[in-house]
Structures are given as C-alpha cells and as structure tokens.
C-alpha cells in the first residue's frame, strides 16, 4: 500500500508540473498573439517592444527547458507577470 501511494505521489507531482508548464505556455502564447495583433502592433511603443522581447524570451525558455521542475515554471511565470501587466 505504501508503494502504491508513492507511485501516485510521483504521478501527482508530474501532473502539477504539467499544469504549471501548460499555464505558462498558454499565457505566453496568448500574450504573444495580443502583441502581434495588427491593430495593436501599429501602436506599440518602445516599452511595448520590451514586453514583446520578454514574451519571446519566455517562449525560448519554455522550448529549452521542457524538463524543468514545476517550481522553475512558477518562477518564470512570476518573472513574466509584472512585465506583461504593463500591457494593461
């Protein structure tokens, strides 16, 4: 029974990691779509360009860190949120 519980615990951790990874990925790609919108794209200021760069950097990070731990994904999200709040 203890062995079985350990097996489920490992699965729970993997599930949480995937949830956080997916949340970061969805959020990042949604924000990228927003900044690439033609109507908005014409209005981007230099600060907005920095936001766009941060989004692109997060996407590169996601692509190169697929095996990262759940906490690393959470940290990346926390790093990205304040930057993206500048979009309004």
PDB file of N, CA and C in Angstrom:
ATOM      1  N   UNK A   1       0.817  -1.182   0.000  1.00  0.00           N
ATOM      2  CA  UNK A   1       0.000   0.000   0.000  1.00  0.00           C
ATOM      3  C   UNK A   1       0.869   1.257   0.000  1.00  0.00           C
ATOM      4  N   UNK A   2       1.948   1.251   0.763  1.00  0.00           N
ATOM      5  CA  UNK A   2       2.862   2.389   0.813  1.00  0.00           C
ATOM      6  C   UNK A   2       3.508   2.593  -0.552  1.00  0.00           C
ATOM      7  N   UNK A   3       3.865   1.485  -1.179  1.00  0.00           N
ATOM      8  CA  UNK A   3       4.473   1.540  -2.507  1.00  0.00           C
ATOM      9  C   UNK A   3       3.497   2.165  -3.510  1.00  0.00           C
ATOM     10  N   UNK A   4       2.254   1.773  -3.406  1.00  0.00           N
ATOM     11  CA  UNK A   4       1.230   2.291  -4.307  1.00  0.00           C
ATOM     12  C   UNK A   4       1.028   3.787  -4.080  1.00  0.00           C
ATOM     13  N   UNK A   5       1.040   4.220  -2.834  1.00  0.00           N
ATOM     14  CA  UNK A   5       0.895   5.639  -2.512  1.00  0.00           C
ATOM     15  C   UNK A   5       2.050   6.436  -3.099  1.00  0.00           C
ATOM     16  N   UNK A   6       3.250   5.905  -3.009  1.00  0.00           N
ATOM     17  CA  UNK A   6       4.422   6.573  -3.586  1.00  0.00           C
ATOM     18  C   UNK A   6       4.302   6.720  -5.088  1.00  0.00           C
ATOM     19  N   UNK A   7       3.726   5.726  -5.724  1.00  0.00           N
ATOM     20  CA  UNK A   7       3.537   5.763  -7.175  1.00  0.00           C
ATOM     21  C   UNK A   7       2.572   6.895  -7.544  1.00  0.00           C
ATOM     22  N   UNK A   8       1.491   7.028  -6.772  1.00  0.00           N
ATOM     23  CA  UNK A   8       0.511   8.073  -7.049  1.00  0.00           C
ATOM     24  C   UNK A   8       1.074   9.455  -6.736  1.00  0.00           C
ATOM     25  N   UNK A   9       1.890   9.543  -5.690  1.00  0.00           N
ATOM     26  CA  UNK A   9       2.502  10.823  -5.333  1.00  0.00           C
ATOM     27  C   UNK A   9       3.380  11.318  -6.475  1.00  0.00           C
ATOM     28  N   UNK A  10       4.146  10.437  -7.044  1.00  0.00           N
ATOM     29  CA  UNK A  10       5.003  10.781  -8.174  1.00  0.00           C
ATOM     30  C   UNK A  10       4.160  11.252  -9.354  1.00  0.00           C
ATOM     31  N   UNK A  11       3.060  10.595  -9.591  1.00  0.00           N
ATOM     32  CA  UNK A  11       2.150  10.985 -10.669  1.00  0.00           C
ATOM     33  C   UNK A  11       1.521  12.335 -10.412  1.00  0.00           C
ATOM     34  N   UNK A  12       1.186  12.609  -9.138  1.00  0.00           N
ATOM     35  CA  UNK A  12       0.615  13.905  -8.770  1.00  0.00           C
ATOM     36  C   UNK A  12       1.606  15.026  -9.038  1.00  0.00           C
ATOM     37  N   UNK A  13       2.865  14.802  -8.690  1.00  0.00           N
ATOM     38  CA  UNK A  13       3.894  15.817  -8.915  1.00  0.00           C
ATOM     39  C   UNK A  13       4.065  16.085 -10.406  1.00  0.00           C
ATOM     40  N   UNK A  14       4.058  15.046 -11.188  1.00  0.00           N
ATOM     41  CA  UNK A  14       4.190  15.193 -12.648  1.00  0.00           C
ATOM     42  C   UNK A  14       2.987  15.944 -13.212  1.00  0.00           C
ATOM     43  N   UNK A  15       1.807  15.647 -12.691  1.00  0.00           N
ATOM     44  CA  UNK A  15       0.588  16.328 -13.137  1.00  0.00           C
ATOM     45  C   UNK A  15       0.654  17.821 -12.813  1.00  0.00           C
ATOM     46  N   UNK A  16       1.094  18.164 -11.608  1.00  0.00           N
ATOM     47  CA  UNK A  16       1.218  19.569 -11.209  1.00  0.00           C
ATOM     48  C   UNK A  16       2.230  20.288 -12.098  1.00  0.00           C
ATOM     49  N   UNK A  17       3.336  19.617 -12.383  1.00  0.00           N
ATOM     50  CA  UNK A  17       4.369  20.198 -13.246  1.00  0.00           C
ATOM     51  C   UNK A  17       3.788  20.505 -14.628  1.00  0.00           C
ATOM     52  N   UNK A  18       3.038  19.559 -15.168  1.00  0.00           N
ATOM     53  CA  UNK A  18       2.432  19.763 -16.485  1.00  0.00           C
ATOM     54  C   UNK A  18       1.409  20.889 -16.468  1.00  0.00           C
ATOM     55  N   UNK A  19       0.644  20.993 -15.385  1.00  0.00           N
ATOM     56  CA  UNK A  19      -0.337  22.073 -15.267  1.00  0.00           C
ATOM     57  C   UNK A  19       0.342  23.432 -15.295  1.00  0.00           C
ATOM     58  N   UNK A  20       1.416  23.580 -14.523  1.00  0.00           N
ATOM     59  CA  UNK A  20       2.129  24.854 -14.462  1.00  0.00           C
ATOM     60  C   UNK A  20       2.786  25.145 -15.804  1.00  0.00           C
ATOM     61  N   UNK A  21       3.383  24.140 -16.414  1.00  0.00           N
ATOM     62  CA  UNK A  21       4.009  24.297 -17.726  1.00  0.00           C
ATOM     63  C   UNK A  21       2.968  24.761 -18.742  1.00  0.00           C
ATOM     64  N   UNK A  22       1.821  24.098 -18.766  1.00  0.00           N
ATOM     65  CA  UNK A  22       0.766  24.463 -19.709  1.00  0.00           C
ATOM     66  C   UNK A  22       0.227  25.862 -19.449  1.00  0.00           C
ATOM     67  N   UNK A  23       0.084  26.232 -18.190  1.00  0.00           N
ATOM     68  CA  UNK A  23      -0.404  27.567 -17.856  1.00  0.00           C
ATOM     69  C   UNK A  23       0.564  28.632 -18.372  1.00  0.00           C
ATOM     70  N   UNK A  24       1.848  28.434 -18.130  1.00  0.00           N
ATOM     71  CA  UNK A  24       2.853  29.389 -18.602  1.00  0.00           C
ATOM     72  C   UNK A  24       2.859  29.443 -20.123  1.00  0.00           C
ATOM     73  N   UNK A  25       2.812  28.292 -20.737  1.00  0.00           N
ATOM     74  CA  UNK A  25       2.832  28.234 -22.199  1.00  0.00           C
ATOM     75  C   UNK A  25       1.602  28.925 -22.793  1.00  0.00           C
ATOM     76  N   UNK A  26       0.420  28.631 -22.275  1.00  0.00           N
ATOM     77  CA  UNK A  26      -0.808  29.259 -22.776  1.00  0.00           C
ATOM     78  C   UNK A  26      -0.784  30.764 -22.579  1.00  0.00           C
ATOM     79  N   UNK A  27      -0.398  31.190 -21.400  1.00  0.00           N
ATOM     80  CA  UNK A  27      -0.355  32.616 -21.092  1.00  0.00           C
ATOM     81  C   UNK A  27       0.620  33.331 -22.022  1.00  0.00           C
ATOM     82  N   UNK A  28       1.796  32.753 -22.196  1.00  0.00           N
ATOM     83  CA  UNK A  28       2.824  33.366 -23.027  1.00  0.00           C
ATOM     84  C   UNK A  28       2.369  33.464 -24.479  1.00  0.00           C
ATOM     85  N   UNK A  29       1.830  32.394 -25.004  1.00  0.00           N
ATOM     86  CA  UNK A  29       1.388  32.419 -26.404  1.00  0.00           C
ATOM     87  C   UNK A  29       0.181  33.337 -26.607  1.00  0.00           C
ATOM     88  N   UNK A  30      -0.711  33.422 -25.630  1.00  0.00           N
ATOM     89  CA  UNK A  30      -1.831  34.361 -25.732  1.00  0.00           C
ATOM     90  C   UNK A  30      -1.336  35.801 -25.751  1.00  0.00           C
ATOM     91  N   UNK A  31      -0.378  36.100 -24.892  1.00  0.00           N
ATOM     92  CA  UNK A  31       0.174  37.454 -24.864  1.00  0.00           C
ATOM     93  C   UNK A  31       0.930  37.752 -26.156  1.00  0.00           C
ATOM     94  N   UNK A  32       1.592  36.764 -26.683  1.00  0.00           N
ATOM     95  CA  UNK A  32       2.302  36.952 -27.957  1.00  0.00           C
ATOM     96  C   UNK A  32       1.295  37.270 -29.061  1.00  0.00           C
ATOM     97  N   UNK A  33       0.189  36.563 -29.089  1.00  0.00           N
ATOM     98  CA  UNK A  33      -0.852  36.827 -30.087  1.00  0.00           C
ATOM     99  C   UNK A  33      -1.386  38.243 -29.942  1.00  0.00           C
ATOM    100  N   UNK A  34      -1.550  38.679 -28.705  1.00  0.00           N
ATOM    101  CA  UNK A  34      -2.034  40.028 -28.452  1.00  0.00           C
ATOM    102  C   UNK A  34      -1.065  41.067 -28.999  1.00  0.00           C
ATOM    103  N   UNK A  35       0.217  40.887 -28.739  1.00  0.00           N
ATOM    104  CA  UNK A  35       1.194  41.883 -29.200  1.00  0.00           C
ATOM    105  C   UNK A  35       1.407  41.818 -30.706  1.00  0.00           C
ATOM    106  N   UNK A  36       1.122  40.671 -31.312  1.00  0.00           N
ATOM    107  CA  UNK A  36       1.293  40.533 -32.762  1.00  0.00           C
ATOM    108  C   UNK A  36       0.037  40.961 -33.531  1.00  0.00           C
ATOM    109  N   UNK A  37      -1.036  41.274 -32.809  1.00  0.00           N
ATOM    110  CA  UNK A  37      -2.265  41.729 -33.441  1.00  0.00           C
ATOM    111  C   UNK A  37      -1.961  42.966 -34.289  1.00  0.00           C
ATOM    112  N   UNK A  38      -2.435  42.984 -35.520  1.00  0.00           N
ATOM    113  CA  UNK A  38      -2.125  44.077 -36.435  1.00  0.00           C
ATOM    114  C   UNK A  38      -2.562  45.430 -35.889  1.00  0.00           C
ATOM    115  N   UNK A  39      -3.740  45.500 -35.301  1.00  0.00           N
ATOM    116  CA  UNK A  39      -4.244  46.769 -34.773  1.00  0.00           C
ATOM    117  C   UNK A  39      -3.369  47.266 -33.633  1.00  0.00           C
ATOM    118  N   UNK A  40      -2.987  46.364 -32.753  1.00  0.00           N
ATOM    119  CA  UNK A  40      -2.149  46.740 -31.620  1.00  0.00           C
ATOM    120  C   UNK A  40      -0.710  46.955 -32.061  1.00  0.00           C
ATOM    121  N   UNK A  41      -0.251  46.159 -32.998  1.00  0.00           N
ATOM    122  CA  UNK A  41       1.134  46.234 -33.444  1.00  0.00           C
ATOM    123  C   UNK A  41       1.542  47.608 -33.920  1.00  0.00           C
ATOM    124  N   UNK A  42       0.615  48.324 -34.540  1.00  0.00           N
ATOM    125  CA  UNK A  42       0.903  49.671 -35.020  1.00  0.00           C
ATOM    126  C   UNK A  42       1.076  50.654 -33.873  1.00  0.00           C
ATOM    127  N   UNK A  43       0.534  50.342 -32.726  1.00  0.00           N
ATOM    128  CA  UNK A  43       0.549  51.253 -31.583  1.00  0.00           C
ATOM    129  C   UNK A  43       1.640  50.935 -30.566  1.00  0.00           C
ATOM    130  N   UNK A  44       2.465  49.936 -30.830  1.00  0.00           N
ATOM    131  CA  UNK A  44       3.473  49.528 -29.852  1.00  0.00           C
ATOM    132  C   UNK A  44       4.526  50.610 -29.654  1.00  0.00           C
ATOM    133  N   UNK A  45       4.798  50.888 -28.406  1.00  0.00           N
ATOM    134  CA  UNK A  45       5.829  51.854 -28.033  1.00  0.00           C
ATOM    135  C   UNK A  45       7.118  51.091 -27.744  1.00  0.00           C
ATOM    136  N   UNK A  46       8.224  51.808 -27.498  1.00  0.00           N
ATOM    137  CA  UNK A  46       9.461  51.102 -27.129  1.00  0.00           C
ATOM    138  C   UNK A  46       9.295  50.218 -25.882  1.00  0.00           C
ATOM    139  N   UNK A  47       8.478  50.647 -24.929  1.00  0.00           N
ATOM    140  CA  UNK A  47       8.235  49.827 -23.733  1.00  0.00           C
ATOM    141  C   UNK A  47       7.507  48.545 -24.138  1.00  0.00           C
ATOM    142  N   UNK A  48       6.553  48.684 -25.047  1.00  0.00           N
ATOM    143  CA  UNK A  48       5.827  47.509 -25.523  1.00  0.00           C
ATOM    144  C   UNK A  48       6.755  46.551 -26.255  1.00  0.00           C
ATOM    145  N   UNK A  49       7.737  47.087 -26.937  1.00  0.00           N
ATOM    146  CA  UNK A  49       8.715  46.234 -27.622  1.00  0.00           C
ATOM    147  C   UNK A  49       9.489  45.413 -26.591  1.00  0.00           C
ATOM    148  N   UNK A  50       9.761  46.007 -25.421  1.00  0.00           N
ATOM    149  CA  UNK A  50      10.436  45.265 -24.346  1.00  0.00           C
ATOM    150  C   UNK A  50       9.540  44.131 -23.849  1.00  0.00           C
ATOM    151  N   UNK A  51       8.256  44.395 -23.789  1.00  0.00           N
ATOM    152  CA  UNK A  51       7.303  43.366 -23.385  1.00  0.00           C
ATOM    153  C   UNK A  51       7.326  42.226 -24.404  1.00  0.00           C
ATOM    154  N   UNK A  52       7.313  42.598 -25.669  1.00  0.00           N
ATOM    155  CA  UNK A  52       7.371  41.604 -26.740  1.00  0.00           C
ATOM    156  C   UNK A  52       8.653  40.770 -26.630  1.00  0.00           C
ATOM    157  N   UNK A  53       9.763  41.433 -26.319  1.00  0.00           N
ATOM    158  CA  UNK A  53      11.031  40.720 -26.140  1.00  0.00           C
ATOM    159  C   UNK A  53      10.957  39.746 -24.966  1.00  0.00           C
ATOM    160  N   UNK A  54      10.312  40.174 -23.870  1.00  0.00           N
ATOM    161  CA  UNK A  54      10.172  39.305 -22.693  1.00  0.00           C
ATOM    162  C   UNK A  54       9.326  38.077 -23.032  1.00  0.00           C
ATOM    163  N   UNK A  55       8.301  38.271 -23.837  1.00  0.00           N
ATOM    164  CA  UNK A  55       7.456  37.153 -24.257  1.00  0.00           C
ATOM    165  C   UNK A  55       8.264  36.180 -25.106  1.00  0.00           C
ATOM    166  N   UNK A  56       9.003  36.721 -26.065  1.00  0.00           N
ATOM    167  CA  UNK A  56       9.833  35.870 -26.923  1.00  0.00           C
ATOM    168  C   UNK A  56      10.872  35.112 -26.104  1.00  0.00           C
ATOM    169  N   UNK A  57      11.448  35.797 -25.119  1.00  0.00           N
ATOM    170  CA  UNK A  57      12.440  35.153 -24.244  1.00  0.00           C
ATOM    171  C   UNK A  57      11.801  34.006 -23.452  1.00  0.00           C
ATOM    172  N   UNK A  58      10.582  34.225 -22.968  1.00  0.00           N
ATOM    173  CA  UNK A  58       9.879  33.181 -22.211  1.00  0.00           C
ATOM    174  C   UNK A  58       9.580  31.975 -23.100  1.00  0.00           C
ATOM    175  N   UNK A  59       9.235  32.227 -24.349  1.00  0.00           N
ATOM    176  CA  UNK A  59       8.960  31.125 -25.274  1.00  0.00           C
ATOM    177  C   UNK A  59      10.227  30.324 -25.539  1.00  0.00           C
ATOM    178  N   UNK A  60      11.336  31.014 -25.720  1.00  0.00           N
ATOM    179  CA  UNK A  60      12.615  30.318 -25.914  1.00  0.00           C
ATOM    180  C   UNK A  60      12.937  29.500 -24.666  1.00  0.00           C
ATOM    181  N   UNK A  61      12.714  30.086 -23.480  1.00  0.00           N
ATOM    182  CA  UNK A  61      12.973  29.374 -22.225  1.00  0.00           C
ATOM    183  C   UNK A  61      12.121  28.109 -22.158  1.00  0.00           C
ATOM    184  N   UNK A  62      10.837  28.238 -22.503  1.00  0.00           N
ATOM    185  CA  UNK A  62       9.946  27.071 -22.489  1.00  0.00           C
ATOM    186  C   UNK A  62      10.446  25.980 -23.428  1.00  0.00           C
ATOM    187  N   UNK A  63      10.873  26.387 -24.607  1.00  0.00           N
ATOM    188  CA  UNK A  63      11.354  25.410 -25.593  1.00  0.00           C
ATOM    189  C   UNK A  63      12.612  24.686 -25.134  1.00  0.00           C
ATOM    190  N   UNK A  64      13.461  25.380 -24.395  1.00  0.00           N
ATOM    191  CA  UNK A  64      14.738  24.787 -23.994  1.00  0.00           C
ATOM    192  C   UNK A  64      14.711  24.176 -22.599  1.00  0.00           C
ATOM    193  N   UNK A  65      13.602  24.328 -21.882  1.00  0.00           N
ATOM    194  CA  UNK A  65      13.525  23.827 -20.505  1.00  0.00           C
ATOM    195  C   UNK A  65      12.306  22.941 -20.273  1.00  0.00           C
ATOM    196  N   UNK A  66      11.993  22.096 -21.221  1.00  0.00           N
ATOM    197  CA  UNK A  66      10.837  21.212 -21.102  1.00  0.00           C
ATOM    198  C   UNK A  66      10.939  20.264 -19.909  1.00  0.00           C
ATOM    199  N   UNK A  67      12.139  19.987 -19.463  1.00  0.00           N
ATOM    200  CA  UNK A  67      12.328  19.064 -18.338  1.00  0.00           C
ATOM    201  C   UNK A  67      12.488  19.785 -17.000  1.00  0.00           C
ATOM    202  N   UNK A  68      12.234  21.091 -16.988  1.00  0.00           N
ATOM    203  CA  UNK A  68      12.365  21.860 -15.753  1.00  0.00           C
ATOM    204  C   UNK A  68      11.345  21.376 -14.722  1.00  0.00           C
ATOM    205  N   UNK A  69      11.628  21.675 -13.468  1.00  0.00           N
ATOM    206  CA  UNK A  69      10.722  21.313 -12.373  1.00  0.00           C
ATOM    207  C   UNK A  69       9.565  22.308 -12.316  1.00  0.00           C
ATOM    208  N   UNK A  70       8.486  21.921 -11.661  1.00  0.00           N
ATOM    209  CA  UNK A  70       7.309  22.772 -11.538  1.00  0.00           C
ATOM    210  C   UNK A  70       7.615  24.130 -10.943  1.00  0.00           C
ATOM    211  N   UNK A  71       8.492  24.165  -9.938  1.00  0.00           N
ATOM    212  CA  UNK A  71       8.842  25.438  -9.308  1.00  0.00           C
ATOM    213  C   UNK A  71       9.549  26.371 -10.280  1.00  0.00           C
ATOM    214  N   UNK A  72      10.315  25.819 -11.195  1.00  0.00           N
ATOM    215  CA  UNK A  72      11.002  26.645 -12.185  1.00  0.00           C
ATOM    216  C   UNK A  72       9.992  27.296 -13.130  1.00  0.00           C
ATOM    217  N   UNK A  73       8.947  26.565 -13.493  1.00  0.00           N
ATOM    218  CA  UNK A  73       7.901  27.137 -14.334  1.00  0.00           C
ATOM    219  C   UNK A  73       7.164  28.241 -13.576  1.00  0.00           C
ATOM    220  N   UNK A  74       6.879  27.992 -12.292  1.00  0.00           N
ATOM    221  CA  UNK A  74       6.209  29.004 -11.470  1.00  0.00           C
ATOM    222  C   UNK A  74       7.065  30.259 -11.363  1.00  0.00           C
ATOM    223  N   UNK A  75       8.364  30.083 -11.152  1.00  0.00           N
ATOM    224  CA  UNK A  75       9.269  31.229 -11.057  1.00  0.00           C
ATOM    225  C   UNK A  75       9.282  32.027 -12.353  1.00  0.00           C
ATOM    226  N   UNK A  76       9.261  31.344 -13.473  1.00  0.00           N
ATOM    227  CA  UNK A  76       9.260  32.020 -14.770  1.00  0.00           C
ATOM    228  C   UNK A  76       7.971  32.805 -14.943  1.00  0.00           C
ATOM    229  N   UNK A  77       6.848  32.240 -14.500  1.00  0.00           N
ATOM    230  CA  UNK A  77       5.570  32.955 -14.580  1.00  0.00           C
ATOM    231  C   UNK A  77       5.603  34.208 -13.717  1.00  0.00           C
ATOM    232  N   UNK A  78       6.123  34.070 -12.494  1.00  0.00           N
ATOM    233  CA  UNK A  78       6.208  35.214 -11.583  1.00  0.00           C
ATOM    234  C   UNK A  78       7.086  36.306 -12.175  1.00  0.00           C
ATOM    235  N   UNK A  79       8.117  35.908 -12.882  1.00  0.00           N
ATOM    236  CA  UNK A  79       9.021  36.854 -13.529  1.00  0.00           C
ATOM    237  C   UNK A  79       8.316  37.572 -14.688  1.00  0.00           C
ATOM    238  N   UNK A  80       7.455  36.883 -15.364  1.00  0.00           N
ATOM    239  CA  UNK A  80       6.798  37.411 -16.553  1.00  0.00           C
ATOM    240  C   UNK A  80       5.584  38.282 -16.231  1.00  0.00           C
ATOM    241  N   UNK A  81       4.834  37.970 -15.184  1.00  0.00           N
ATOM    242  CA  UNK A  81       3.605  38.698 -14.867  1.00  0.00           C
ATOM    243  C   UNK A  81       3.791  40.209 -14.747  1.00  0.00           C
ATOM    244  N   UNK A  82       4.748  40.702 -13.975  1.00  0.00           N
ATOM    245  CA  UNK A  82       4.878  42.159 -13.846  1.00  0.00           C
ATOM    246  C   UNK A  82       5.170  42.848 -15.184  1.00  0.00           C
ATOM    247  N   UNK A  83       5.914  42.191 -16.023  1.00  0.00           N
ATOM    248  CA  UNK A  83       6.240  42.762 -17.328  1.00  0.00           C
ATOM    249  C   UNK A  83       4.982  42.841 -18.185  1.00  0.00           C
ATOM    250  N   UNK A  84       4.194  41.788 -18.164  1.00  0.00           N
ATOM    251  CA  UNK A  84       3.005  41.741 -19.007  1.00  0.00           C
ATOM    252  C   UNK A  84       1.874  42.618 -18.484  1.00  0.00           C
ATOM    253  N   UNK A  85       1.901  42.949 -17.207  1.00  0.00           N
ATOM    254  CA  UNK A  85       0.890  43.858 -16.653  1.00  0.00           C
ATOM    255  C   UNK A  85       1.001  45.234 -17.301  1.00  0.00           C
ATOM    256  N   UNK A  86       2.171  45.551 -17.829  1.00  0.00           N
ATOM    257  CA  UNK A  86       2.367  46.832 -18.497  1.00  0.00           C
ATOM    258  C   UNK A  86       1.512  46.964 -19.755  1.00  0.00           C
ATOM    259  N   UNK A  87       1.060  45.847 -20.294  1.00  0.00           N
ATOM    260  CA  UNK A  87       0.191  45.886 -21.476  1.00  0.00           C
ATOM    261  C   UNK A  87      -1.191  46.434 -21.141  1.00  0.00           C
ATOM    262  N   UNK A  88      -1.511  46.402 -19.872  1.00  0.00           N
ATOM    263  CA  UNK A  88      -2.793  46.957 -19.484  1.00  0.00           C
ATOM    264  C   UNK A  88      -3.730  45.921 -19.157  1.00  0.00           C
TER     265      UNK A  88
END
